[in-house]
Amino acid sequence: MDESGGIGKTSSVRVEIPYHLRNLARVDGDIALEIAGPVTLRSVLDALEARYPMLCGTIRDHDTRQRRPFLRFFACEEDLSHQSPDMPLPESVANGKETLLIIGAIAGG
């Protein structure tokens, strides 16, 4: 049990999603999510899709749960796109000081 009498730790995580996904989810600015347990990319995306079901399939493929090709994940000025989705996110993201950024990849020549 934790200090509040609950089981496990809950973290408040801030997520910023691309403009077109904010429109789809009908949100402005950052999204605050409560994450129970370890703060990983998977747990954050699970919470995001649970709260905004219209985003299911837009960030991760429905079947494989893999990141969509033209989206990238950044935190603390680091590209997390190719890390395991079960790897803990940086502490500053887990405690809400830094925002997890989900951005559209920039392509071109």
PDB file of N, CA and C in Angstrom:
ATOM      1  N   MET A   1       0.835  -1.188   0.000  1.00  0.00           N
ATOM      2  CA  MET A   1       0.000   0.000   0.000  1.00  0.00           C
ATOM      3  C   MET A   1       0.871   1.241   0.000  1.00  0.00           C
ATOM      4  N   ASP A   2       0.349   2.311  -0.595  1.00  0.00           N
ATOM      5  CA  ASP A   2       1.092   3.557  -0.575  1.00  0.00           C
ATOM      6  C   ASP A   2       0.618   4.441   0.570  1.00  0.00           C
ATOM      7  N   GLU A   3       1.166   5.671   0.643  1.00  0.00           N
ATOM      8  CA  GLU A   3       0.866   6.579   1.757  1.00  0.00           C
ATOM      9  C   GLU A   3      -0.614   6.921   1.876  1.00  0.00           C
ATOM     10  N   SER A   4      -1.313   6.941   0.733  1.00  0.00           N
ATOM     11  CA  SER A   4      -2.725   7.322   0.754  1.00  0.00           C
ATOM     12  C   SER A   4      -3.643   6.149   1.081  1.00  0.00           C
ATOM     13  N   GLY A   5      -3.047   4.979   1.312  1.00  0.00           N
ATOM     14  CA  GLY A   5      -3.862   3.811   1.621  1.00  0.00           C
ATOM     15  C   GLY A   5      -4.242   3.006   0.399  1.00  0.00           C
ATOM     16  N   GLY A   6      -3.846   3.488  -0.781  1.00  0.00           N
ATOM     17  CA  GLY A   6      -4.158   2.766  -2.008  1.00  0.00           C
ATOM     18  C   GLY A   6      -3.085   1.744  -2.317  1.00  0.00           C
ATOM     19  N   ILE A   7      -3.340   0.951  -3.316  1.00  0.00           N
ATOM     20  CA  ILE A   7      -2.378  -0.054  -3.731  1.00  0.00           C
ATOM     21  C   ILE A   7      -1.635   0.484  -4.947  1.00  0.00           C
ATOM     22  N   GLY A   8      -0.310   0.524  -4.856  1.00  0.00           N
ATOM     23  CA  GLY A   8       0.495   0.977  -5.976  1.00  0.00           C
ATOM     24  C   GLY A   8       0.546   2.492  -6.089  1.00  0.00           C
ATOM     25  N   LYS A   9       1.398   2.927  -6.984  1.00  0.00           N
ATOM     26  CA  LYS A   9       1.638   4.353  -7.195  1.00  0.00           C
ATOM     27  C   LYS A   9       0.856   4.838  -8.415  1.00  0.00           C
ATOM     28  N   THR A  10       0.298   6.023  -8.315  1.00  0.00           N
ATOM     29  CA  THR A  10      -0.360   6.659  -9.443  1.00  0.00           C
ATOM     30  C   THR A  10       0.435   7.896  -9.818  1.00  0.00           C
ATOM     31  N   SER A  11       0.702   8.044 -11.110  1.00  0.00           N
ATOM     32  CA  SER A  11       1.472   9.182 -11.606  1.00  0.00           C
ATOM     33  C   SER A  11       0.603  10.012 -12.533  1.00  0.00           C
ATOM     34  N   SER A  12       0.820  11.309 -12.504  1.00  0.00           N
ATOM     35  CA  SER A  12       0.137  12.211 -13.425  1.00  0.00           C
ATOM     36  C   SER A  12       1.119  12.569 -14.537  1.00  0.00           C
ATOM     37  N   VAL A  13       0.772  12.171 -15.754  1.00  0.00           N
ATOM     38  CA  VAL A  13       1.643  12.343 -16.909  1.00  0.00           C
ATOM     39  C   VAL A  13       0.977  13.303 -17.880  1.00  0.00           C
ATOM     40  N   ARG A  14       1.786  14.187 -18.469  1.00  0.00           N
ATOM     41  CA  ARG A  14       1.280  15.106 -19.494  1.00  0.00           C
ATOM     42  C   ARG A  14       1.718  14.613 -20.868  1.00  0.00           C
ATOM     43  N   VAL A  15       0.772  14.636 -21.811  1.00  0.00           N
ATOM     44  CA  VAL A  15       1.030  14.167 -23.170  1.00  0.00           C
ATOM     45  C   VAL A  15       0.587  15.244 -24.143  1.00  0.00           C
ATOM     46  N   GLU A  16       1.425  15.490 -25.141  1.00  0.00           N
ATOM     47  CA  GLU A  16       1.051  16.404 -26.218  1.00  0.00           C
ATOM     48  C   GLU A  16       0.946  15.584 -27.492  1.00  0.00           C
ATOM     49  N   ILE A  17      -0.189  15.718 -28.178  1.00  0.00           N
ATOM     50  CA  ILE A  17      -0.415  14.970 -29.410  1.00  0.00           C
ATOM     51  C   ILE A  17      -0.508  15.949 -30.578  1.00  0.00           C
ATOM     52  N   PRO A  18      -0.317  15.457 -31.814  1.00  0.00           N
ATOM     53  CA  PRO A  18      -0.377  16.334 -32.984  1.00  0.00           C
ATOM     54  C   PRO A  18      -1.742  17.010 -33.136  1.00  0.00           C
ATOM     55  N   TYR A  19      -1.731  18.123 -33.821  1.00  0.00           N
ATOM     56  CA  TYR A  19      -2.921  18.952 -34.020  1.00  0.00           C
ATOM     57  C   TYR A  19      -4.114  18.150 -34.548  1.00  0.00           C
ATOM     58  N   HIS A  20      -3.889  17.326 -35.580  1.00  0.00           N
ATOM     59  CA  HIS A  20      -5.016  16.584 -36.165  1.00  0.00           C
ATOM     60  C   HIS A  20      -5.607  15.573 -35.173  1.00  0.00           C
ATOM     61  N   LEU A  21      -4.782  15.018 -34.284  1.00  0.00           N
ATOM     62  CA  LEU A  21      -5.306  14.096 -33.278  1.00  0.00           C
ATOM     63  C   LEU A  21      -5.996  14.849 -32.138  1.00  0.00           C
ATOM     64  N   ARG A  22      -5.518  16.061 -31.831  1.00  0.00           N
ATOM     65  CA  ARG A  22      -6.227  16.898 -30.840  1.00  0.00           C
ATOM     66  C   ARG A  22      -7.625  17.229 -31.356  1.00  0.00           C
ATOM     67  N   ASN A  23      -7.721  17.538 -32.644  1.00  0.00           N
ATOM     68  CA  ASN A  23      -9.039  17.815 -33.240  1.00  0.00           C
ATOM     69  C   ASN A  23      -9.942  16.597 -33.155  1.00  0.00           C
ATOM     70  N   LEU A  24      -9.403  15.428 -33.465  1.00  0.00           N
ATOM     71  CA  LEU A  24     -10.182  14.199 -33.411  1.00  0.00           C
ATOM     72  C   LEU A  24     -10.680  13.922 -31.990  1.00  0.00           C
ATOM     73  N   ALA A  25      -9.804  14.142 -31.011  1.00  0.00           N
ATOM     74  CA  ALA A  25     -10.160  13.889 -29.605  1.00  0.00           C
ATOM     75  C   ALA A  25     -10.907  15.065 -28.974  1.00  0.00           C
ATOM     76  N   ARG A  26     -10.972  16.182 -29.687  1.00  0.00           N
ATOM     77  CA  ARG A  26     -11.628  17.402 -29.203  1.00  0.00           C
ATOM     78  C   ARG A  26     -10.993  17.905 -27.901  1.00  0.00           C
ATOM     79  N   VAL A  27      -9.667  18.056 -27.939  1.00  0.00           N
ATOM     80  CA  VAL A  27      -8.930  18.593 -26.794  1.00  0.00           C
ATOM     81  C   VAL A  27      -8.066  19.757 -27.254  1.00  0.00           C
ATOM     82  N   ASP A  28      -7.760  20.633 -26.327  1.00  0.00           N
ATOM     83  CA  ASP A  28      -6.837  21.734 -26.577  1.00  0.00           C
ATOM     84  C   ASP A  28      -5.621  21.549 -25.683  1.00  0.00           C
ATOM     85  N   GLY A  29      -4.447  21.701 -26.235  1.00  0.00           N
ATOM     86  CA  GLY A  29      -3.238  21.640 -25.423  1.00  0.00           C
ATOM     87  C   GLY A  29      -2.895  20.247 -24.933  1.00  0.00           C
ATOM     88  N   ASP A  30      -2.091  20.226 -23.861  1.00  0.00           N
ATOM     89  CA  ASP A  30      -1.634  18.966 -23.276  1.00  0.00           C
ATOM     90  C   ASP A  30      -2.793  18.186 -22.672  1.00  0.00           C
ATOM     91  N   ILE A  31      -2.616  16.881 -22.615  1.00  0.00           N
ATOM     92  CA  ILE A  31      -3.572  15.984 -21.976  1.00  0.00           C
ATOM     93  C   ILE A  31      -2.927  15.454 -20.705  1.00  0.00           C
ATOM     94  N   ALA A  32      -3.621  15.562 -19.589  1.00  0.00           N
ATOM     95  CA  ALA A  32      -3.127  15.019 -18.320  1.00  0.00           C
ATOM     96  C   ALA A  32      -3.767  13.653 -18.105  1.00  0.00           C
ATOM     97  N   LEU A  33      -2.933  12.644 -17.868  1.00  0.00           N
ATOM     98  CA  LEU A  33      -3.408  11.281 -17.658  1.00  0.00           C
ATOM     99  C   LEU A  33      -2.900  10.760 -16.326  1.00  0.00           C
ATOM    100  N   GLU A  34      -3.744  10.030 -15.628  1.00  0.00           N
ATOM    101  CA  GLU A  34      -3.336   9.358 -14.399  1.00  0.00           C
ATOM    102  C   GLU A  34      -2.948   7.930 -14.772  1.00  0.00           C
ATOM    103  N   ILE A  35      -1.724   7.558 -14.433  1.00  0.00           N
ATOM    104  CA  ILE A  35      -1.205   6.234 -14.764  1.00  0.00           C
ATOM    105  C   ILE A  35      -0.987   5.467 -13.465  1.00  0.00           C
ATOM    106  N   ALA A  36      -1.629   4.328 -13.341  1.00  0.00           N
ATOM    107  CA  ALA A  36      -1.434   3.463 -12.173  1.00  0.00           C
ATOM    108  C   ALA A  36      -0.321   2.480 -12.504  1.00  0.00           C
ATOM    109  N   GLY A  37       0.639   2.370 -11.621  1.00  0.00           N
ATOM    110  CA  GLY A  37       1.747   1.449 -11.847  1.00  0.00           C
ATOM    111  C   GLY A  37       2.875   2.103 -12.610  1.00  0.00           C
ATOM    112  N   PRO A  38       3.742   1.289 -13.209  1.00  0.00           N
ATOM    113  CA  PRO A  38       4.905   1.819 -13.918  1.00  0.00           C
ATOM    114  C   PRO A  38       4.496   2.717 -15.083  1.00  0.00           C
ATOM    115  N   VAL A  39       5.220   3.805 -15.252  1.00  0.00           N
ATOM    116  CA  VAL A  39       4.951   4.732 -16.353  1.00  0.00           C
ATOM    117  C   VAL A  39       5.837   4.329 -17.523  1.00  0.00           C
ATOM    118  N   THR A  40       5.210   3.653 -18.471  1.00  0.00           N
ATOM    119  CA  THR A  40       5.891   3.222 -19.694  1.00  0.00           C
ATOM    120  C   THR A  40       5.139   3.810 -20.877  1.00  0.00           C
ATOM    121  N   LEU A  41       5.747   3.727 -22.038  1.00  0.00           N
ATOM    122  CA  LEU A  41       5.058   4.197 -23.233  1.00  0.00           C
ATOM    123  C   LEU A  41       3.757   3.412 -23.424  1.00  0.00           C
ATOM    124  N   ARG A  42       3.805   2.113 -23.179  1.00  0.00           N
ATOM    125  CA  ARG A  42       2.601   1.282 -23.327  1.00  0.00           C
ATOM    126  C   ARG A  42       1.502   1.724 -22.356  1.00  0.00           C
ATOM    127  N   SER A  43       1.859   1.953 -21.088  1.00  0.00           N
ATOM    128  CA  SER A  43       0.826   2.324 -20.105  1.00  0.00           C
ATOM    129  C   SER A  43       0.236   3.694 -20.420  1.00  0.00           C
ATOM    130  N   VAL A  44       1.064   4.607 -20.919  1.00  0.00           N
ATOM    131  CA  VAL A  44       0.559   5.936 -21.281  1.00  0.00           C
ATOM    132  C   VAL A  44      -0.365   5.839 -22.489  1.00  0.00           C
ATOM    133  N   LEU A  45       0.047   5.102 -23.512  1.00  0.00           N
ATOM    134  CA  LEU A  45      -0.800   4.963 -24.703  1.00  0.00           C
ATOM    135  C   LEU A  45      -2.087   4.203 -24.394  1.00  0.00           C
ATOM    136  N   ASP A  46      -2.005   3.196 -23.526  1.00  0.00           N
ATOM    137  CA  ASP A  46      -3.223   2.482 -23.102  1.00  0.00           C
ATOM    138  C   ASP A  46      -4.193   3.438 -22.419  1.00  0.00           C
ATOM    139  N   ALA A  47      -3.669   4.286 -21.516  1.00  0.00           N
ATOM    140  CA  ALA A  47      -4.520   5.254 -20.802  1.00  0.00           C
ATOM    141  C   ALA A  47      -5.083   6.297 -21.757  1.00  0.00           C
ATOM    142  N   LEU A  48      -4.275   6.742 -22.705  1.00  0.00           N
ATOM    143  CA  LEU A  48      -4.724   7.735 -23.688  1.00  0.00           C
ATOM    144  C   LEU A  48      -5.859   7.168 -24.538  1.00  0.00           C
ATOM    145  N   GLU A  49      -5.690   5.941 -25.020  1.00  0.00           N
ATOM    146  CA  GLU A  49      -6.731   5.322 -25.849  1.00  0.00           C
ATOM    147  C   GLU A  49      -7.983   4.963 -25.048  1.00  0.00           C
ATOM    148  N   ALA A  50      -7.806   4.645 -23.771  1.00  0.00           N
ATOM    149  CA  ALA A  50      -8.974   4.350 -22.926  1.00  0.00           C
ATOM    150  C   ALA A  50      -9.796   5.614 -22.700  1.00  0.00           C
ATOM    151  N   ARG A  51      -9.128   6.731 -22.496  1.00  0.00           N
ATOM    152  CA  ARG A  51      -9.825   7.992 -22.241  1.00  0.00           C
ATOM    153  C   ARG A  51     -10.391   8.599 -23.519  1.00  0.00           C
ATOM    154  N   TYR A  52      -9.681   8.402 -24.625  1.00  0.00           N
ATOM    155  CA  TYR A  52     -10.101   8.947 -25.922  1.00  0.00           C
ATOM    156  C   TYR A  52     -10.166   7.800 -26.931  1.00  0.00           C
ATOM    157  N   PRO A  53     -11.244   7.004 -26.897  1.00  0.00           N
ATOM    158  CA  PRO A  53     -11.344   5.824 -27.776  1.00  0.00           C
ATOM    159  C   PRO A  53     -11.248   6.158 -29.263  1.00  0.00           C
ATOM    160  N   MET A  54     -11.583   7.397 -29.619  1.00  0.00           N
ATOM    161  CA  MET A  54     -11.495   7.771 -31.029  1.00  0.00           C
ATOM    162  C   MET A  54     -10.046   7.799 -31.520  1.00  0.00           C
ATOM    163  N   LEU A  55      -9.077   7.749 -30.601  1.00  0.00           N
ATOM    164  CA  LEU A  55      -7.661   7.721 -30.989  1.00  0.00           C
ATOM    165  C   LEU A  55      -7.139   6.306 -31.213  1.00  0.00           C
ATOM    166  N   CYS A  56      -7.943   5.292 -30.865  1.00  0.00           N
ATOM    167  CA  CYS A  56      -7.516   3.909 -31.077  1.00  0.00           C
ATOM    168  C   CYS A  56      -7.217   3.687 -32.563  1.00  0.00           C
ATOM    169  N   GLY A  57      -6.045   3.166 -32.841  1.00  0.00           N
ATOM    170  CA  GLY A  57      -5.637   2.911 -34.220  1.00  0.00           C
ATOM    171  C   GLY A  57      -4.963   4.083 -34.897  1.00  0.00           C
ATOM    172  N   THR A  58      -4.954   5.243 -34.278  1.00  0.00           N
ATOM    173  CA  THR A  58      -4.317   6.406 -34.908  1.00  0.00           C
ATOM    174  C   THR A  58      -2.849   6.548 -34.523  1.00  0.00           C
ATOM    175  N   ILE A  59      -2.485   6.099 -33.331  1.00  0.00           N
ATOM    176  CA  ILE A  59      -1.113   6.197 -32.851  1.00  0.00           C
ATOM    177  C   ILE A  59      -0.424   4.840 -32.974  1.00  0.00           C
ATOM    178  N   ARG A  60      -1.179   3.773 -32.681  1.00  0.00           N
ATOM    179  CA  ARG A  60      -0.677   2.398 -32.801  1.00  0.00           C
ATOM    180  C   ARG A  60      -1.624   1.614 -33.686  1.00  0.00           C
ATOM    181  N   ASP A  61      -1.070   0.665 -34.413  1.00  0.00           N
ATOM    182  CA  ASP A  61      -1.871  -0.227 -35.237  1.00  0.00           C
ATOM    183  C   ASP A  61      -2.819  -1.033 -34.347  1.00  0.00           C
ATOM    184  N   HIS A  62      -4.057  -1.215 -34.799  1.00  0.00           N
ATOM    185  CA  HIS A  62      -5.062  -1.957 -34.021  1.00  0.00           C
ATOM    186  C   HIS A  62      -4.587  -3.366 -33.654  1.00  0.00           C
ATOM    187  N   ASP A  63      -4.019  -4.073 -34.617  1.00  0.00           N
ATOM    188  CA  ASP A  63      -3.671  -5.478 -34.410  1.00  0.00           C
ATOM    189  C   ASP A  63      -2.302  -5.669 -33.773  1.00  0.00           C
ATOM    190  N   THR A  64      -1.281  -5.038 -34.331  1.00  0.00           N
ATOM    191  CA  THR A  64       0.089  -5.276 -33.856  1.00  0.00           C
ATOM    192  C   THR A  64       0.461  -4.412 -32.648  1.00  0.00           C
ATOM    193  N   ARG A  65      -0.283  -3.335 -32.415  1.00  0.00           N
ATOM    194  CA  ARG A  65      -0.005  -2.379 -31.332  1.00  0.00           C
ATOM    195  C   ARG A  65       1.335  -1.658 -31.532  1.00  0.00           C
ATOM    196  N   GLN A  66       1.865  -1.711 -32.771  1.00  0.00           N
ATOM    197  CA  GLN A  66       3.112  -1.030 -33.102  1.00  0.00           C
ATOM    198  C   GLN A  66       2.826   0.423 -33.466  1.00  0.00           C
ATOM    199  N   ARG A  67       3.811   1.283 -33.212  1.00  0.00           N
ATOM    200  CA  ARG A  67       3.715   2.710 -33.531  1.00  0.00           C
ATOM    201  C   ARG A  67       3.457   2.883 -35.027  1.00  0.00           C
ATOM    202  N   ARG A  68       2.575   3.810 -35.357  1.00  0.00           N
ATOM    203  CA  ARG A  68       2.330   4.148 -36.759  1.00  0.00           C
ATOM    204  C   ARG A  68       3.617   4.741 -37.351  1.00  0.00           C
ATOM    205  N   PRO A  69       3.904   4.456 -38.624  1.00  0.00           N
ATOM    206  CA  PRO A  69       5.194   4.839 -39.213  1.00  0.00           C
ATOM    207  C   PRO A  69       5.532   6.331 -39.162  1.00  0.00           C
ATOM    208  N   PHE A  70       4.561   7.196 -39.266  1.00  0.00           N
ATOM    209  CA  PHE A  70       4.888   8.623 -39.329  1.00  0.00           C
ATOM    210  C   PHE A  70       4.654   9.363 -38.020  1.00  0.00           C
ATOM    211  N   LEU A  71       4.650   8.634 -36.932  1.00  0.00           N
ATOM    212  CA  LEU A  71       4.575   9.254 -35.615  1.00  0.00           C
ATOM    213  C   LEU A  71       5.847   8.926 -34.840  1.00  0.00           C
ATOM    214  N   ARG A  72       6.277   9.880 -34.011  1.00  0.00           N
ATOM    215  CA  ARG A  72       7.476   9.700 -33.196  1.00  0.00           C
ATOM    216  C   ARG A  72       7.143  10.073 -31.764  1.00  0.00           C
ATOM    217  N   PHE A  73       7.872   9.477 -30.817  1.00  0.00           N
ATOM    218  CA  PHE A  73       7.701   9.751 -29.395  1.00  0.00           C
ATOM    219  C   PHE A  73       8.974  10.402 -28.864  1.00  0.00           C
ATOM    220  N   PHE A  74       8.815  11.549 -28.195  1.00  0.00           N
ATOM    221  CA  PHE A  74       9.952  12.263 -27.628  1.00  0.00           C
ATOM    222  C   PHE A  74       9.668  12.630 -26.180  1.00  0.00           C
ATOM    223  N   ALA A  75      10.726  12.615 -25.365  1.00  0.00           N
ATOM    224  CA  ALA A  75      10.662  13.097 -23.986  1.00  0.00           C
ATOM    225  C   ALA A  75      12.064  13.514 -23.581  1.00  0.00           C
ATOM    226  N   CYS A  76      12.160  14.622 -22.883  1.00  0.00           N
ATOM    227  CA  CYS A  76      13.456  15.089 -22.369  1.00  0.00           C
ATOM    228  C   CYS A  76      14.479  15.215 -23.496  1.00  0.00           C
ATOM    229  N   GLU A  77      14.041  15.716 -24.639  1.00  0.00           N
ATOM    230  CA  GLU A  77      14.883  15.931 -25.814  1.00  0.00           C
ATOM    231  C   GLU A  77      15.487  14.640 -26.359  1.00  0.00           C
ATOM    232  N   GLU A  78      14.818  13.515 -26.113  1.00  0.00           N
ATOM    233  CA  GLU A  78      15.303  12.216 -26.559  1.00  0.00           C
ATOM    234  C   GLU A  78      14.219  11.518 -27.364  1.00  0.00           C
ATOM    235  N   ASP A  79      14.615  10.916 -28.493  1.00  0.00           N
ATOM    236  CA  ASP A  79      13.693  10.148 -29.326  1.00  0.00           C
ATOM    237  C   ASP A  79      13.492   8.780 -28.691  1.00  0.00           C
ATOM    238  N   LEU A  80      12.270   8.484 -28.290  1.00  0.00           N
ATOM    239  CA  LEU A  80      11.947   7.213 -27.649  1.00  0.00           C
ATOM    240  C   LEU A  80      11.234   6.257 -28.601  1.00  0.00           C
ATOM    241  N   SER A  81      11.141   6.630 -29.865  1.00  0.00           N
ATOM    242  CA  SER A  81      10.337   5.900 -30.839  1.00  0.00           C
ATOM    243  C   SER A  81      10.734   4.444 -31.016  1.00  0.00           C
ATOM    244  N   HIS A  82      12.012   4.127 -30.880  1.00  0.00           N
ATOM    245  CA  HIS A  82      12.472   2.759 -31.133  1.00  0.00           C
ATOM    246  C   HIS A  82      12.782   1.984 -29.852  1.00  0.00           C
ATOM    247  N   GLN A  83      12.481   2.580 -28.699  1.00  0.00           N
ATOM    248  CA  GLN A  83      12.694   1.875 -27.441  1.00  0.00           C
ATOM    249  C   GLN A  83      11.522   0.936 -27.178  1.00  0.00           C
ATOM    250  N   SER A  84      11.763  -0.035 -26.333  1.00  0.00           N
ATOM    251  CA  SER A  84      10.706  -0.977 -25.965  1.00  0.00           C
ATOM    252  C   SER A  84       9.545  -0.199 -25.331  1.00  0.00           C
ATOM    253  N   PRO A  85       8.307  -0.524 -25.696  1.00  0.00           N
ATOM    254  CA  PRO A  85       7.166   0.164 -25.092  1.00  0.00           C
ATOM    255  C   PRO A  85       7.008  -0.130 -23.601  1.00  0.00           C
ATOM    256  N   ASP A  86       7.726  -1.118 -23.103  1.00  0.00           N
ATOM    257  CA  ASP A  86       7.644  -1.463 -21.682  1.00  0.00           C
ATOM    258  C   ASP A  86       8.791  -0.890 -20.860  1.00  0.00           C
ATOM    259  N   MET A  87       9.677  -0.141 -21.489  1.00  0.00           N
ATOM    260  CA  MET A  87      10.773   0.511 -20.770  1.00  0.00           C
ATOM    261  C   MET A  87      10.216   1.719 -20.016  1.00  0.00           C
ATOM    262  N   PRO A  88      10.593   1.891 -18.756  1.00  0.00           N
ATOM    263  CA  PRO A  88      10.086   3.040 -18.000  1.00  0.00           C
ATOM    264  C   PRO A  88      10.464   4.364 -18.673  1.00  0.00           C
ATOM    265  N   LEU A  89       9.513   5.288 -18.683  1.00  0.00           N
ATOM    266  CA  LEU A  89       9.784   6.619 -19.211  1.00  0.00           C
ATOM    267  C   LEU A  89      10.634   7.392 -18.204  1.00  0.00           C
ATOM    268  N   PRO A  90      11.334   8.448 -18.650  1.00  0.00           N
ATOM    269  CA  PRO A  90      12.150   9.234 -17.724  1.00  0.00           C
ATOM    270  C   PRO A  90      11.337   9.717 -16.519  1.00  0.00           C
ATOM    271  N   GLU A  91      11.981   9.806 -15.369  1.00  0.00           N
ATOM    272  CA  GLU A  91      11.326  10.214 -14.126  1.00  0.00           C
ATOM    273  C   GLU A  91      10.632  11.568 -14.267  1.00  0.00           C
ATOM    274  N   SER A  92      11.240  12.492 -15.018  1.00  0.00           N
ATOM    275  CA  SER A  92      10.629  13.811 -15.169  1.00  0.00           C
ATOM    276  C   SER A  92       9.326  13.761 -15.959  1.00  0.00           C
ATOM    277  N   VAL A  93       9.132  12.739 -16.773  1.00  0.00           N
ATOM    278  CA  VAL A  93       7.845  12.533 -17.455  1.00  0.00           C
ATOM    279  C   VAL A  93       6.871  11.887 -16.477  1.00  0.00           C
ATOM    280  N   ALA A  94       7.354  10.891 -15.740  1.00  0.00           N
ATOM    281  CA  ALA A  94       6.503  10.172 -14.791  1.00  0.00           C
ATOM    282  C   ALA A  94       5.971  11.078 -13.686  1.00  0.00           C
ATOM    283  N   ASN A  95       6.715  12.117 -13.325  1.00  0.00           N
ATOM    284  CA  ASN A  95       6.241  13.020 -12.265  1.00  0.00           C
ATOM    285  C   ASN A  95       5.589  14.287 -12.817  1.00  0.00           C
ATOM    286  N   GLY A  96       5.397  14.363 -14.126  1.00  0.00           N
ATOM    287  CA  GLY A  96       4.667  15.466 -14.739  1.00  0.00           C
ATOM    288  C   GLY A  96       5.462  16.727 -14.992  1.00  0.00           C
ATOM    289  N   LYS A  97       6.763  16.713 -14.725  1.00  0.00           N
ATOM    290  CA  LYS A  97       7.583  17.909 -14.970  1.00  0.00           C
ATOM    291  C   LYS A  97       7.841  18.120 -16.456  1.00  0.00           C
ATOM    292  N   GLU A  98       7.998  17.016 -17.187  1.00  0.00           N
ATOM    293  CA  GLU A  98       8.218  17.069 -18.630  1.00  0.00           C
ATOM    294  C   GLU A  98       7.026  16.430 -19.335  1.00  0.00           C
ATOM    295  N   THR A  99       6.794  16.831 -20.566  1.00  0.00           N
ATOM    296  CA  THR A  99       5.690  16.320 -21.367  1.00  0.00           C
ATOM    297  C   THR A  99       6.183  15.240 -22.323  1.00  0.00           C
ATOM    298  N   LEU A 100       5.408  14.171 -22.465  1.00  0.00           N
ATOM    299  CA  LEU A 100       5.664  13.191 -23.508  1.00  0.00           C
ATOM    300  C   LEU A 100       5.088  13.766 -24.788  1.00  0.00           C
ATOM    301  N   LEU A 101       5.919  13.898 -25.796  1.00  0.00           N
ATOM    302  CA  LEU A 101       5.491  14.464 -27.075  1.00  0.00           C
ATOM    303  C   LEU A 101       5.261  13.348 -28.084  1.00  0.00           C
ATOM    304  N   ILE A 102       4.116  13.366 -28.705  1.00  0.00           N
ATOM    305  CA  ILE A 102       3.832  12.474 -29.829  1.00  0.00           C
ATOM    306  C   ILE A 102       3.698  13.404 -31.015  1.00  0.00           C
ATOM    307  N   ILE A 103       4.642  13.287 -31.943  1.00  0.00           N
ATOM    308  CA  ILE A 103       4.654  14.227 -33.070  1.00  0.00           C
ATOM    309  C   ILE A 103       4.649  13.488 -34.395  1.00  0.00           C
ATOM    310  N   GLY A 104       4.195  14.179 -35.417  1.00  0.00           N
ATOM    311  CA  GLY A 104       4.249  13.632 -36.769  1.00  0.00           C
ATOM    312  C   GLY A 104       5.661  13.762 -37.300  1.00  0.00           C
ATOM    313  N   ALA A 105       6.177  12.684 -37.886  1.00  0.00           N
ATOM    314  CA  ALA A 105       7.522  12.704 -38.444  1.00  0.00           C
ATOM    315  C   ALA A 105       7.559  13.671 -39.627  1.00  0.00           C
ATOM    316  N   ILE A 106       8.682  14.296 -39.783  1.00  0.00           N
ATOM    317  CA  ILE A 106       8.872  15.238 -40.883  1.00  0.00           C
ATOM    318  C   ILE A 106       9.690  14.546 -41.960  1.00  0.00           C
ATOM    319  N   ALA A 107       9.128  14.500 -43.152  1.00  0.00           N
ATOM    320  CA  ALA A 107       9.811  13.851 -44.268  1.00  0.00           C
ATOM    321  C   ALA A 107       9.975  14.855 -45.394  1.00  0.00           C
ATOM    322  N   GLY A 108      10.913  14.613 -46.211  1.00  0.00           N
ATOM    323  CA  GLY A 108      11.111  15.494 -47.351  1.00  0.00           C
ATOM    324  C   GLY A 108      12.563  15.516 -47.758  1.00  0.00           C
ATOM    325  N   GLY A 109      12.815  16.253 -48.782  1.00  0.00           N
ATOM    326  CA  GLY A 109      14.173  16.253 -49.306  1.00  0.00           C
ATOM    327  C   GLY A 109      14.787  17.585 -49.365  1.00  0.00           C
TER     328      GLY A 109
END
